N, C-alpha and C. Protein backbone atom coordinates (compact mmCIF):
# COMPACT_ATOMS: atom_id res chain seq x y z
N MET A 1 -28.00 28.39 29.10
CA MET A 1 -27.65 28.52 27.68
C MET A 1 -26.13 28.53 27.51
N SER A 2 -25.44 29.26 28.40
CA SER A 2 -24.00 29.37 28.28
C SER A 2 -23.33 28.02 28.49
N ARG A 3 -23.90 27.21 29.46
CA ARG A 3 -23.33 25.88 29.70
C ARG A 3 -23.52 24.99 28.48
N THR A 4 -24.70 25.11 27.87
CA THR A 4 -24.99 24.31 26.67
C THR A 4 -24.01 24.66 25.55
N LYS A 5 -23.79 25.99 25.40
CA LYS A 5 -22.84 26.43 24.37
C LYS A 5 -21.44 25.94 24.66
N ASP A 6 -21.06 25.99 25.96
CA ASP A 6 -19.72 25.53 26.34
C ASP A 6 -19.55 24.06 26.03
N LYS A 7 -20.59 23.24 26.32
CA LYS A 7 -20.53 21.81 26.06
C LYS A 7 -20.42 21.55 24.57
N SER A 8 -21.19 22.33 23.80
CA SER A 8 -21.15 22.17 22.35
C SER A 8 -19.78 22.51 21.80
N SER A 9 -19.20 23.58 22.35
CA SER A 9 -17.87 23.99 21.89
C SER A 9 -16.82 22.95 22.22
N LEU A 10 -16.94 22.39 23.43
CA LEU A 10 -16.00 21.35 23.84
C LEU A 10 -16.13 20.12 22.96
N ALA A 11 -17.37 19.76 22.66
CA ALA A 11 -17.62 18.59 21.82
C ALA A 11 -17.04 18.78 20.43
N LEU A 12 -17.27 19.98 19.88
CA LEU A 12 -16.74 20.28 18.55
C LEU A 12 -15.22 20.29 18.56
N GLY A 13 -14.66 20.84 19.65
CA GLY A 13 -13.21 20.89 19.75
C GLY A 13 -12.61 19.51 19.84
N ALA A 14 -13.23 18.65 20.64
CA ALA A 14 -12.73 17.28 20.78
C ALA A 14 -12.84 16.54 19.46
N ARG A 15 -13.98 16.73 18.78
CA ARG A 15 -14.18 16.07 17.49
C ARG A 15 -13.14 16.54 16.49
N GLY A 16 -12.86 17.85 16.50
CA GLY A 16 -11.86 18.40 15.59
C GLY A 16 -10.48 17.83 15.86
N ALA A 17 -10.16 17.65 17.15
CA ALA A 17 -8.86 17.10 17.51
C ALA A 17 -8.72 15.66 17.03
N LEU A 18 -9.83 14.90 17.19
CA LEU A 18 -9.81 13.52 16.73
C LEU A 18 -9.65 13.43 15.23
N VAL A 19 -10.37 14.29 14.52
CA VAL A 19 -10.29 14.29 13.06
C VAL A 19 -8.89 14.68 12.61
N GLY A 20 -8.35 15.74 13.23
CA GLY A 20 -7.02 16.19 12.85
C GLY A 20 -5.97 15.15 13.16
N GLY A 21 -6.08 14.53 14.36
CA GLY A 21 -5.11 13.52 14.74
C GLY A 21 -5.20 12.28 13.89
N GLY A 22 -6.41 11.99 13.41
CA GLY A 22 -6.59 10.78 12.60
C GLY A 22 -6.34 11.00 11.13
N ALA A 23 -6.12 12.24 10.72
CA ALA A 23 -5.97 12.53 9.29
C ALA A 23 -4.81 11.78 8.67
N VAL A 24 -3.68 11.74 9.40
CA VAL A 24 -2.51 11.05 8.85
C VAL A 24 -2.79 9.57 8.69
N TRP A 25 -3.56 8.97 9.63
CA TRP A 25 -3.88 7.55 9.51
C TRP A 25 -4.75 7.28 8.30
N PHE A 26 -5.69 8.17 8.05
CA PHE A 26 -6.65 7.91 6.98
C PHE A 26 -6.17 8.35 5.61
N LEU A 27 -5.14 9.17 5.54
CA LEU A 27 -4.77 9.75 4.25
C LEU A 27 -4.32 8.69 3.26
N LEU A 28 -3.86 7.53 3.75
CA LEU A 28 -3.40 6.49 2.83
C LEU A 28 -4.45 5.42 2.60
N LYS A 29 -5.65 5.59 3.17
CA LYS A 29 -6.70 4.59 2.99
C LYS A 29 -7.43 4.83 1.69
N ALA A 30 -7.54 3.81 0.86
CA ALA A 30 -8.11 3.99 -0.48
C ALA A 30 -9.59 3.66 -0.51
N GLY A 31 -10.39 4.57 0.00
CA GLY A 31 -11.85 4.44 -0.12
C GLY A 31 -12.39 3.20 0.55
N SER A 32 -13.37 2.55 -0.10
CA SER A 32 -14.01 1.39 0.47
C SER A 32 -13.33 0.11 0.01
N GLY A 33 -13.55 -0.96 0.77
CA GLY A 33 -12.98 -2.25 0.38
C GLY A 33 -11.49 -2.28 0.62
N TYR A 34 -10.83 -3.24 0.00
CA TYR A 34 -9.39 -3.38 0.19
C TYR A 34 -8.61 -2.31 -0.55
N GLY A 35 -7.45 -2.05 -0.06
CA GLY A 35 -6.53 -1.17 -0.78
C GLY A 35 -6.05 0.00 0.05
N TRP A 36 -4.77 0.22 0.03
CA TRP A 36 -4.19 1.40 0.64
C TRP A 36 -3.53 2.22 -0.45
N ARG A 37 -3.50 3.49 -0.26
CA ARG A 37 -2.75 4.34 -1.18
C ARG A 37 -1.28 4.28 -0.76
N LEU A 38 -0.44 4.03 -1.71
CA LEU A 38 0.99 3.94 -1.46
C LEU A 38 1.69 5.18 -1.99
N ARG A 39 2.86 5.45 -1.45
CA ARG A 39 3.71 6.51 -1.99
C ARG A 39 4.59 5.90 -3.08
N PRO A 40 5.09 6.72 -4.00
CA PRO A 40 5.98 6.21 -5.04
C PRO A 40 7.29 5.69 -4.46
N PRO A 41 8.08 4.98 -5.25
CA PRO A 41 9.37 4.46 -4.77
C PRO A 41 10.25 5.58 -4.21
N GLY A 42 10.96 5.25 -3.15
CA GLY A 42 11.90 6.20 -2.56
C GLY A 42 11.30 7.23 -1.64
N ALA A 43 9.99 7.14 -1.39
CA ALA A 43 9.36 8.14 -0.51
C ALA A 43 9.98 8.09 0.89
N VAL A 44 10.31 9.25 1.41
CA VAL A 44 10.86 9.34 2.76
C VAL A 44 9.73 9.17 3.78
N ALA A 45 10.06 9.16 5.06
CA ALA A 45 9.05 8.99 6.12
C ALA A 45 7.91 9.99 5.92
N GLU A 46 6.69 9.56 6.22
CA GLU A 46 5.49 10.33 5.86
C GLU A 46 5.50 11.77 6.34
N ASP A 47 5.85 12.01 7.59
CA ASP A 47 5.88 13.38 8.10
C ASP A 47 6.83 14.25 7.28
N GLU A 48 8.00 13.70 7.01
CA GLU A 48 9.00 14.43 6.23
C GLU A 48 8.54 14.58 4.78
N PHE A 49 7.89 13.54 4.28
CA PHE A 49 7.40 13.58 2.90
C PHE A 49 6.43 14.72 2.70
N LEU A 50 5.47 14.88 3.61
CA LEU A 50 4.47 15.93 3.49
C LEU A 50 5.09 17.33 3.57
N LYS A 51 6.23 17.42 4.25
CA LYS A 51 6.92 18.71 4.34
C LYS A 51 7.72 18.99 3.07
N LYS A 52 8.34 17.95 2.52
CA LYS A 52 9.22 18.13 1.38
C LYS A 52 8.50 18.18 0.04
N CYS A 53 7.42 17.42 -0.08
CA CYS A 53 6.75 17.31 -1.37
C CYS A 53 6.21 18.67 -1.82
N LEU A 54 6.58 19.07 -3.04
CA LEU A 54 6.15 20.35 -3.58
C LEU A 54 4.79 20.27 -4.27
N ARG A 55 4.27 19.05 -4.38
CA ARG A 55 2.99 18.83 -5.07
C ARG A 55 3.07 19.33 -6.52
N CYS A 56 4.23 19.15 -7.10
CA CYS A 56 4.45 19.65 -8.47
C CYS A 56 3.94 18.70 -9.54
N GLY A 57 3.80 17.43 -9.19
CA GLY A 57 3.27 16.45 -10.13
C GLY A 57 4.27 15.90 -11.12
N ARG A 58 5.55 16.23 -10.96
CA ARG A 58 6.55 15.76 -11.92
C ARG A 58 6.69 14.24 -11.90
N CYS A 59 6.63 13.65 -10.72
CA CYS A 59 6.76 12.19 -10.63
C CYS A 59 5.61 11.50 -11.36
N ALA A 60 4.42 12.06 -11.24
CA ALA A 60 3.26 11.49 -11.93
C ALA A 60 3.39 11.67 -13.44
N HIS A 61 3.91 12.81 -13.85
CA HIS A 61 4.02 13.12 -15.27
C HIS A 61 4.97 12.17 -15.99
N VAL A 62 6.05 11.76 -15.31
CA VAL A 62 7.05 10.92 -15.97
C VAL A 62 6.77 9.43 -15.81
N CYS A 63 5.79 9.05 -15.00
CA CYS A 63 5.50 7.62 -14.80
C CYS A 63 4.98 7.03 -16.12
N PRO A 64 5.70 6.10 -16.73
CA PRO A 64 5.28 5.57 -18.03
C PRO A 64 4.02 4.73 -17.98
N TYR A 65 3.63 4.29 -16.79
CA TYR A 65 2.44 3.45 -16.65
C TYR A 65 1.27 4.20 -16.03
N GLN A 66 1.47 5.47 -15.74
CA GLN A 66 0.45 6.31 -15.10
C GLN A 66 -0.01 5.71 -13.78
N ALA A 67 0.90 5.03 -13.12
CA ALA A 67 0.58 4.44 -11.82
C ALA A 67 0.55 5.50 -10.72
N VAL A 68 1.37 6.52 -10.87
CA VAL A 68 1.43 7.61 -9.88
C VAL A 68 0.35 8.63 -10.22
N GLN A 69 -0.53 8.86 -9.28
CA GLN A 69 -1.60 9.83 -9.44
C GLN A 69 -1.50 10.87 -8.33
N MET A 70 -2.01 12.05 -8.58
CA MET A 70 -1.98 13.09 -7.56
C MET A 70 -3.25 13.03 -6.71
N GLY A 71 -3.07 13.11 -5.40
CA GLY A 71 -4.18 13.00 -4.47
C GLY A 71 -5.26 14.04 -4.70
N ARG A 72 -6.51 13.59 -4.65
CA ARG A 72 -7.64 14.48 -4.85
C ARG A 72 -8.20 14.93 -3.51
N LEU A 73 -9.30 15.64 -3.56
CA LEU A 73 -9.87 16.27 -2.36
C LEU A 73 -10.14 15.26 -1.25
N GLU A 74 -10.63 14.06 -1.61
CA GLU A 74 -11.01 13.08 -0.59
C GLU A 74 -9.82 12.50 0.16
N THR A 75 -8.60 12.78 -0.31
CA THR A 75 -7.43 12.23 0.36
C THR A 75 -6.95 13.11 1.51
N GLY A 76 -7.68 14.15 1.84
CA GLY A 76 -7.35 14.97 3.00
C GLY A 76 -6.00 15.65 2.89
N VAL A 77 -5.14 15.45 3.91
CA VAL A 77 -3.85 16.14 3.91
C VAL A 77 -2.94 15.64 2.79
N ALA A 78 -3.32 14.55 2.13
CA ALA A 78 -2.54 14.05 1.00
C ALA A 78 -2.92 14.74 -0.30
N LEU A 79 -3.81 15.70 -0.23
CA LEU A 79 -4.26 16.42 -1.42
C LEU A 79 -3.07 16.97 -2.21
N GLY A 80 -3.02 16.62 -3.49
CA GLY A 80 -1.98 17.14 -4.36
C GLY A 80 -0.65 16.42 -4.27
N THR A 81 -0.57 15.38 -3.44
CA THR A 81 0.67 14.62 -3.33
C THR A 81 0.55 13.31 -4.11
N PRO A 82 1.66 12.72 -4.53
CA PRO A 82 1.62 11.52 -5.37
C PRO A 82 1.22 10.26 -4.61
N LEU A 83 0.33 9.49 -5.22
CA LEU A 83 -0.20 8.27 -4.61
C LEU A 83 -0.29 7.16 -5.64
N ILE A 84 -0.26 5.93 -5.16
CA ILE A 84 -0.46 4.76 -6.02
C ILE A 84 -1.48 3.86 -5.35
N VAL A 85 -2.49 3.43 -6.10
CA VAL A 85 -3.46 2.46 -5.60
C VAL A 85 -3.17 1.14 -6.31
N ALA A 86 -2.58 0.22 -5.59
CA ALA A 86 -2.05 -1.00 -6.19
C ALA A 86 -3.10 -1.83 -6.92
N ARG A 87 -4.28 -1.95 -6.37
CA ARG A 87 -5.30 -2.80 -6.99
C ARG A 87 -5.68 -2.28 -8.38
N LYS A 88 -5.65 -0.97 -8.53
CA LYS A 88 -6.01 -0.36 -9.81
C LYS A 88 -4.83 -0.31 -10.77
N ASN A 89 -3.69 0.13 -10.28
CA ASN A 89 -2.53 0.32 -11.15
C ASN A 89 -1.26 0.34 -10.30
N PRO A 90 -0.62 -0.81 -10.12
CA PRO A 90 0.54 -0.88 -9.23
C PRO A 90 1.79 -0.28 -9.84
N CYS A 91 2.81 -0.13 -9.01
CA CYS A 91 4.11 0.34 -9.47
C CYS A 91 4.81 -0.80 -10.21
N ARG A 92 5.37 -0.51 -11.39
CA ARG A 92 6.07 -1.54 -12.17
C ARG A 92 7.56 -1.57 -11.90
N LEU A 93 8.02 -0.80 -10.95
CA LEU A 93 9.43 -0.81 -10.55
C LEU A 93 10.36 -0.58 -11.75
N CYS A 94 10.18 0.52 -12.41
CA CYS A 94 11.02 0.87 -13.56
C CYS A 94 12.49 0.86 -13.16
N ALA A 95 13.31 0.22 -13.97
CA ALA A 95 14.73 0.08 -13.65
C ALA A 95 15.43 1.43 -13.50
N ASP A 96 15.01 2.42 -14.28
CA ASP A 96 15.66 3.73 -14.23
C ASP A 96 15.00 4.70 -13.25
N LEU A 97 13.96 4.25 -12.56
CA LEU A 97 13.29 5.05 -11.52
C LEU A 97 13.03 6.50 -11.96
N PRO A 98 12.27 6.71 -13.01
CA PRO A 98 12.03 8.07 -13.51
C PRO A 98 11.34 8.98 -12.49
N CYS A 99 10.47 8.41 -11.66
CA CYS A 99 9.77 9.24 -10.68
C CYS A 99 10.73 9.82 -9.66
N VAL A 100 11.69 9.00 -9.23
CA VAL A 100 12.67 9.46 -8.25
C VAL A 100 13.56 10.55 -8.86
N LYS A 101 13.99 10.32 -10.10
CA LYS A 101 14.86 11.29 -10.77
C LYS A 101 14.15 12.62 -11.02
N ALA A 102 12.83 12.56 -11.20
CA ALA A 102 12.08 13.78 -11.50
C ALA A 102 11.78 14.63 -10.27
N CYS A 103 11.88 14.03 -9.09
CA CYS A 103 11.53 14.76 -7.86
C CYS A 103 12.58 15.81 -7.55
N PRO A 104 12.20 17.08 -7.46
CA PRO A 104 13.17 18.16 -7.23
C PRO A 104 13.43 18.47 -5.76
N SER A 105 12.65 17.85 -4.85
CA SER A 105 12.72 18.28 -3.45
C SER A 105 13.34 17.27 -2.50
N GLY A 106 13.54 16.04 -2.96
CA GLY A 106 14.06 15.01 -2.07
C GLY A 106 12.97 14.26 -1.34
N ALA A 107 11.71 14.54 -1.66
CA ALA A 107 10.62 13.76 -1.05
C ALA A 107 10.72 12.31 -1.48
N LEU A 108 11.22 12.08 -2.70
CA LEU A 108 11.59 10.75 -3.17
C LEU A 108 13.12 10.70 -3.12
N ASP A 109 13.63 9.86 -2.27
CA ASP A 109 15.06 9.82 -1.96
C ASP A 109 15.94 9.60 -3.19
N PRO A 110 16.76 10.56 -3.56
CA PRO A 110 17.64 10.42 -4.73
C PRO A 110 18.72 9.37 -4.55
N GLU A 111 18.91 8.92 -3.32
CA GLU A 111 19.91 7.88 -3.05
C GLU A 111 19.43 6.50 -3.49
N LEU A 112 18.14 6.37 -3.76
CA LEU A 112 17.61 5.09 -4.24
C LEU A 112 18.03 4.89 -5.69
N LYS A 113 18.81 3.88 -5.94
CA LYS A 113 19.34 3.62 -7.28
C LYS A 113 18.81 2.32 -7.89
N GLU A 114 18.33 1.41 -7.05
CA GLU A 114 17.85 0.12 -7.54
C GLU A 114 16.39 -0.06 -7.17
N ALA A 115 15.56 -0.33 -8.16
CA ALA A 115 14.11 -0.43 -7.94
C ALA A 115 13.75 -1.51 -6.93
N LEU A 116 14.45 -2.63 -6.97
CA LEU A 116 14.13 -3.74 -6.08
C LEU A 116 14.52 -3.47 -4.62
N LYS A 117 15.19 -2.35 -4.38
CA LYS A 117 15.54 -1.99 -3.02
C LYS A 117 14.55 -1.01 -2.40
N THR A 118 13.55 -0.60 -3.19
CA THR A 118 12.55 0.31 -2.63
C THR A 118 11.67 -0.44 -1.65
N ARG A 119 11.12 0.27 -0.69
CA ARG A 119 10.23 -0.34 0.31
C ARG A 119 9.00 0.55 0.45
N MET A 120 8.05 0.35 -0.48
CA MET A 120 6.81 1.13 -0.48
C MET A 120 5.82 0.61 0.55
N GLY A 121 5.92 -0.67 0.85
CA GLY A 121 4.99 -1.30 1.77
C GLY A 121 5.30 -2.78 1.88
N THR A 122 4.35 -3.52 2.40
CA THR A 122 4.54 -4.97 2.57
C THR A 122 3.27 -5.70 2.16
N ALA A 123 3.43 -6.71 1.34
CA ALA A 123 2.29 -7.54 0.95
C ALA A 123 1.88 -8.43 2.12
N VAL A 124 0.58 -8.58 2.31
CA VAL A 124 0.04 -9.39 3.40
C VAL A 124 -1.14 -10.21 2.87
N ILE A 125 -1.18 -11.49 3.20
CA ILE A 125 -2.34 -12.30 2.84
C ILE A 125 -3.39 -12.09 3.93
N VAL A 126 -4.43 -11.36 3.59
CA VAL A 126 -5.44 -10.99 4.57
C VAL A 126 -6.69 -11.87 4.49
N GLU A 127 -6.84 -12.58 3.39
CA GLU A 127 -8.02 -13.44 3.22
C GLU A 127 -7.56 -14.89 3.07
N ARG A 128 -7.04 -15.44 4.14
CA ARG A 128 -6.51 -16.81 4.09
C ARG A 128 -7.61 -17.82 3.76
N GLN A 129 -8.81 -17.56 4.25
CA GLN A 129 -9.90 -18.50 4.01
C GLN A 129 -10.40 -18.46 2.58
N GLU A 130 -10.05 -17.38 1.84
CA GLU A 130 -10.48 -17.24 0.46
C GLU A 130 -9.37 -17.52 -0.55
N CYS A 131 -8.13 -17.47 -0.12
CA CYS A 131 -6.99 -17.68 -1.01
C CYS A 131 -7.10 -19.05 -1.68
N LEU A 132 -7.08 -19.05 -3.01
CA LEU A 132 -7.26 -20.30 -3.75
C LEU A 132 -6.15 -21.29 -3.47
N SER A 133 -4.94 -20.81 -3.32
CA SER A 133 -3.82 -21.69 -3.04
C SER A 133 -4.00 -22.39 -1.69
N LEU A 134 -4.53 -21.66 -0.72
CA LEU A 134 -4.73 -22.24 0.60
C LEU A 134 -5.95 -23.16 0.64
N LYS A 135 -6.75 -23.10 -0.40
CA LYS A 135 -7.88 -24.04 -0.53
C LYS A 135 -7.45 -25.33 -1.23
N GLY A 136 -6.21 -25.37 -1.67
CA GLY A 136 -5.72 -26.56 -2.33
C GLY A 136 -5.70 -26.47 -3.83
N LEU A 137 -6.02 -25.30 -4.38
CA LEU A 137 -5.99 -25.12 -5.83
C LEU A 137 -4.64 -24.53 -6.24
N ARG A 138 -4.14 -24.93 -7.38
CA ARG A 138 -2.84 -24.44 -7.84
C ARG A 138 -2.98 -23.08 -8.50
N CYS A 139 -3.09 -22.05 -7.70
CA CYS A 139 -3.22 -20.70 -8.24
C CYS A 139 -1.83 -20.07 -8.40
N GLU A 140 -1.27 -19.64 -7.30
CA GLU A 140 0.10 -19.11 -7.27
C GLU A 140 0.33 -17.89 -8.16
N VAL A 141 -0.74 -17.21 -8.55
CA VAL A 141 -0.60 -16.05 -9.43
C VAL A 141 0.26 -14.97 -8.77
N CYS A 142 0.01 -14.68 -7.50
CA CYS A 142 0.77 -13.64 -6.81
C CYS A 142 2.25 -13.96 -6.80
N TYR A 143 2.56 -15.22 -6.62
CA TYR A 143 3.95 -15.67 -6.60
C TYR A 143 4.61 -15.48 -7.96
N ARG A 144 3.91 -15.85 -9.01
CA ARG A 144 4.50 -15.85 -10.35
C ARG A 144 4.68 -14.44 -10.93
N VAL A 145 3.87 -13.49 -10.50
CA VAL A 145 4.02 -12.12 -11.02
C VAL A 145 4.99 -11.27 -10.20
N CYS A 146 5.42 -11.77 -9.07
CA CYS A 146 6.28 -10.98 -8.17
C CYS A 146 7.62 -10.65 -8.85
N PRO A 147 7.99 -9.38 -8.91
CA PRO A 147 9.28 -9.00 -9.52
C PRO A 147 10.47 -9.58 -8.77
N ALA A 148 10.27 -9.88 -7.50
CA ALA A 148 11.34 -10.48 -6.69
C ALA A 148 10.96 -11.92 -6.34
N ILE A 149 10.53 -12.66 -7.36
CA ILE A 149 10.06 -14.04 -7.18
C ILE A 149 11.13 -14.90 -6.50
N ASP A 150 10.68 -15.72 -5.59
CA ASP A 150 11.53 -16.61 -4.79
C ASP A 150 12.35 -15.86 -3.75
N LYS A 151 12.13 -14.56 -3.64
CA LYS A 151 12.73 -13.77 -2.56
C LYS A 151 11.63 -13.11 -1.73
N ALA A 152 10.85 -12.25 -2.39
CA ALA A 152 9.76 -11.58 -1.68
C ALA A 152 8.60 -12.53 -1.43
N ILE A 153 8.32 -13.39 -2.39
CA ILE A 153 7.26 -14.40 -2.23
C ILE A 153 7.82 -15.75 -2.63
N THR A 154 7.67 -16.71 -1.74
CA THR A 154 8.02 -18.08 -2.04
C THR A 154 6.79 -18.95 -1.86
N VAL A 155 6.86 -20.19 -2.30
CA VAL A 155 5.75 -21.12 -2.14
C VAL A 155 6.21 -22.28 -1.26
N GLU A 156 5.46 -22.52 -0.21
CA GLU A 156 5.75 -23.64 0.69
C GLU A 156 4.66 -24.68 0.54
N ASN A 157 5.04 -25.91 0.31
CA ASN A 157 4.03 -26.96 0.11
C ASN A 157 4.02 -27.93 1.29
N TYR A 158 2.81 -28.38 1.63
CA TYR A 158 2.60 -29.33 2.72
C TYR A 158 1.26 -30.00 2.50
N LEU A 159 0.99 -31.05 3.26
CA LEU A 159 -0.26 -31.78 3.11
C LEU A 159 -1.37 -31.11 3.93
N LYS A 160 -2.55 -31.11 3.38
CA LYS A 160 -3.70 -30.53 4.07
C LYS A 160 -3.98 -31.32 5.34
N ALA A 161 -4.09 -30.59 6.44
CA ALA A 161 -4.22 -31.25 7.75
C ALA A 161 -5.44 -32.15 7.84
N LYS A 162 -6.56 -31.73 7.25
CA LYS A 162 -7.81 -32.48 7.39
C LYS A 162 -7.78 -33.82 6.68
N THR A 163 -7.09 -33.88 5.55
CA THR A 163 -7.09 -35.11 4.76
C THR A 163 -5.78 -35.87 4.82
N GLY A 164 -4.70 -35.13 5.00
CA GLY A 164 -3.39 -35.77 5.02
C GLY A 164 -2.93 -36.22 3.65
N ARG A 165 -3.71 -35.89 2.63
CA ARG A 165 -3.37 -36.29 1.27
C ARG A 165 -3.20 -35.12 0.31
N HIS A 166 -4.17 -34.21 0.36
CA HIS A 166 -4.16 -33.11 -0.61
C HIS A 166 -3.06 -32.10 -0.29
N ALA A 167 -2.34 -31.70 -1.33
CA ALA A 167 -1.21 -30.78 -1.15
C ALA A 167 -1.67 -29.33 -1.16
N ILE A 168 -1.06 -28.54 -0.29
CA ILE A 168 -1.28 -27.10 -0.23
C ILE A 168 0.02 -26.43 -0.67
N PHE A 169 -0.10 -25.47 -1.58
CA PHE A 169 1.05 -24.69 -2.02
C PHE A 169 0.82 -23.25 -1.58
N GLU A 170 1.34 -22.93 -0.41
CA GLU A 170 1.04 -21.64 0.21
C GLU A 170 2.04 -20.55 -0.19
N PRO A 171 1.54 -19.41 -0.70
CA PRO A 171 2.44 -18.28 -0.96
C PRO A 171 2.83 -17.62 0.36
N VAL A 172 4.10 -17.42 0.56
CA VAL A 172 4.61 -16.84 1.81
C VAL A 172 5.39 -15.57 1.49
N VAL A 173 5.02 -14.47 2.13
CA VAL A 173 5.67 -13.17 1.89
C VAL A 173 6.84 -13.00 2.86
N HIS A 174 7.97 -12.59 2.34
CA HIS A 174 9.15 -12.29 3.14
C HIS A 174 9.36 -10.78 3.13
N LYS A 175 8.99 -10.16 4.23
CA LYS A 175 8.94 -8.70 4.31
C LYS A 175 10.26 -8.03 3.97
N GLU A 176 11.35 -8.68 4.32
CA GLU A 176 12.65 -8.05 4.10
C GLU A 176 12.99 -7.89 2.62
N HIS A 177 12.30 -8.61 1.76
CA HIS A 177 12.55 -8.51 0.32
C HIS A 177 11.39 -7.88 -0.45
N CYS A 178 10.26 -7.67 0.20
CA CYS A 178 9.07 -7.15 -0.48
C CYS A 178 9.22 -5.66 -0.74
N THR A 179 9.03 -5.25 -1.99
CA THR A 179 9.13 -3.84 -2.35
C THR A 179 7.84 -3.08 -2.07
N GLY A 180 6.72 -3.81 -1.97
CA GLY A 180 5.43 -3.16 -1.79
C GLY A 180 4.89 -2.58 -3.08
N CYS A 181 5.34 -3.09 -4.21
CA CYS A 181 4.92 -2.54 -5.50
C CYS A 181 3.44 -2.74 -5.78
N GLY A 182 2.85 -3.81 -5.25
CA GLY A 182 1.42 -4.05 -5.42
C GLY A 182 1.04 -4.86 -6.64
N ILE A 183 2.02 -5.35 -7.39
CA ILE A 183 1.71 -6.15 -8.58
C ILE A 183 0.96 -7.41 -8.19
N CYS A 184 1.31 -8.01 -7.07
CA CYS A 184 0.61 -9.21 -6.60
C CYS A 184 -0.84 -8.91 -6.27
N GLU A 185 -1.09 -7.76 -5.66
CA GLU A 185 -2.45 -7.38 -5.30
C GLU A 185 -3.33 -7.21 -6.54
N GLN A 186 -2.79 -6.54 -7.54
CA GLN A 186 -3.56 -6.35 -8.76
C GLN A 186 -3.83 -7.68 -9.46
N ALA A 187 -2.86 -8.58 -9.41
CA ALA A 187 -2.96 -9.84 -10.14
C ALA A 187 -3.89 -10.86 -9.49
N CYS A 188 -4.18 -10.71 -8.20
CA CYS A 188 -5.04 -11.68 -7.52
C CYS A 188 -6.36 -11.82 -8.26
N VAL A 189 -6.76 -13.06 -8.54
CA VAL A 189 -7.92 -13.32 -9.39
C VAL A 189 -9.25 -13.14 -8.66
N LEU A 190 -9.21 -13.01 -7.35
CA LEU A 190 -10.44 -12.85 -6.57
C LEU A 190 -10.99 -11.43 -6.70
N GLU A 191 -12.30 -11.30 -6.52
CA GLU A 191 -12.91 -9.98 -6.59
C GLU A 191 -12.35 -9.07 -5.49
N ARG A 192 -12.25 -9.60 -4.30
CA ARG A 192 -11.56 -8.92 -3.21
C ARG A 192 -10.24 -9.65 -3.01
N PRO A 193 -9.13 -9.03 -3.33
CA PRO A 193 -7.85 -9.73 -3.33
C PRO A 193 -7.51 -10.36 -1.99
N ALA A 194 -6.98 -11.56 -2.05
CA ALA A 194 -6.56 -12.24 -0.83
C ALA A 194 -5.24 -11.68 -0.31
N ILE A 195 -4.47 -11.10 -1.22
CA ILE A 195 -3.19 -10.50 -0.84
C ILE A 195 -3.24 -9.01 -1.16
N VAL A 196 -2.85 -8.18 -0.21
CA VAL A 196 -2.86 -6.73 -0.39
C VAL A 196 -1.54 -6.15 0.10
N VAL A 197 -1.26 -4.94 -0.31
CA VAL A 197 -0.05 -4.25 0.14
C VAL A 197 -0.44 -3.12 1.08
N ARG A 198 0.17 -3.13 2.23
CA ARG A 198 -0.05 -2.06 3.20
C ARG A 198 1.21 -1.20 3.28
N PRO A 199 1.05 0.12 3.39
CA PRO A 199 2.23 0.98 3.54
C PRO A 199 3.00 0.62 4.80
N LEU A 200 4.28 0.89 4.80
CA LEU A 200 5.11 0.57 5.96
C LEU A 200 4.65 1.34 7.19
N GLN A 201 4.05 2.53 6.97
CA GLN A 201 3.61 3.36 8.09
C GLN A 201 2.11 3.30 8.30
N ALA A 202 1.49 2.22 7.81
CA ALA A 202 0.03 2.09 7.96
C ALA A 202 -0.30 1.87 9.43
N PRO A 203 -1.51 2.22 9.87
CA PRO A 203 -1.94 1.97 11.23
C PRO A 203 -2.11 0.49 11.50
N SER A 204 -2.48 0.16 12.71
CA SER A 204 -2.64 -1.24 13.09
C SER A 204 -3.79 -1.88 12.34
N GLU A 205 -3.89 -3.21 12.44
CA GLU A 205 -4.90 -3.94 11.69
C GLU A 205 -6.31 -3.50 12.03
N SER A 206 -6.51 -2.98 13.26
CA SER A 206 -7.85 -2.57 13.64
C SER A 206 -8.35 -1.40 12.78
N TRP A 207 -7.39 -0.69 12.15
CA TRP A 207 -7.78 0.42 11.28
C TRP A 207 -7.99 -0.04 9.86
N TYR A 208 -7.66 -1.30 9.60
CA TYR A 208 -7.77 -1.80 8.23
C TYR A 208 -9.18 -2.30 7.96
N GLU A 209 -9.77 -1.78 6.91
CA GLU A 209 -11.16 -2.12 6.60
C GLU A 209 -11.19 -3.33 5.68
N GLY A 210 -11.46 -4.48 6.24
CA GLY A 210 -11.43 -5.72 5.46
C GLY A 210 -12.80 -6.08 4.95
């Protein structure tokens, strides 16, 4: 009996360690399907953010688009901290950065003065086989709504390899200019967006639920 109890205790302990260690990876995952929870503009590194954030909700209160929401119970260690789900309501990159100015703790870096210099994440085309532009249709919606158009997203055109005639106008993301605002993700016309924004500190692709 004692050995059985010891094994059970070890199993529970190992499971607890895995859950605790994985909490940070999962805290930014937005439920089922595509989508990651993003931090507001100017968010410092995640470990530091969780220490600094007072969970006061001021950044959410001043967001004119209500894009910043406070984490609920299902967000684990992110409970009570500010989050953005791009597919539902992306960051509009307000020129005056009200969320950053409202933060009293420095969890949102006060040194950030220009919205287009924020780096919330990086847009990635994850559904290349479904992307309308890559099928040869003139969609380009993600490109046209990008606040940093022709910098963060450009369009490269070439002939379709199979036919040698039909033109492809491929949206290409340039990570060094992408703010991670998520406007492109929300704008994608597909039911499951072909382009999504992943946080800069997101886990590897194997953790991404496509």
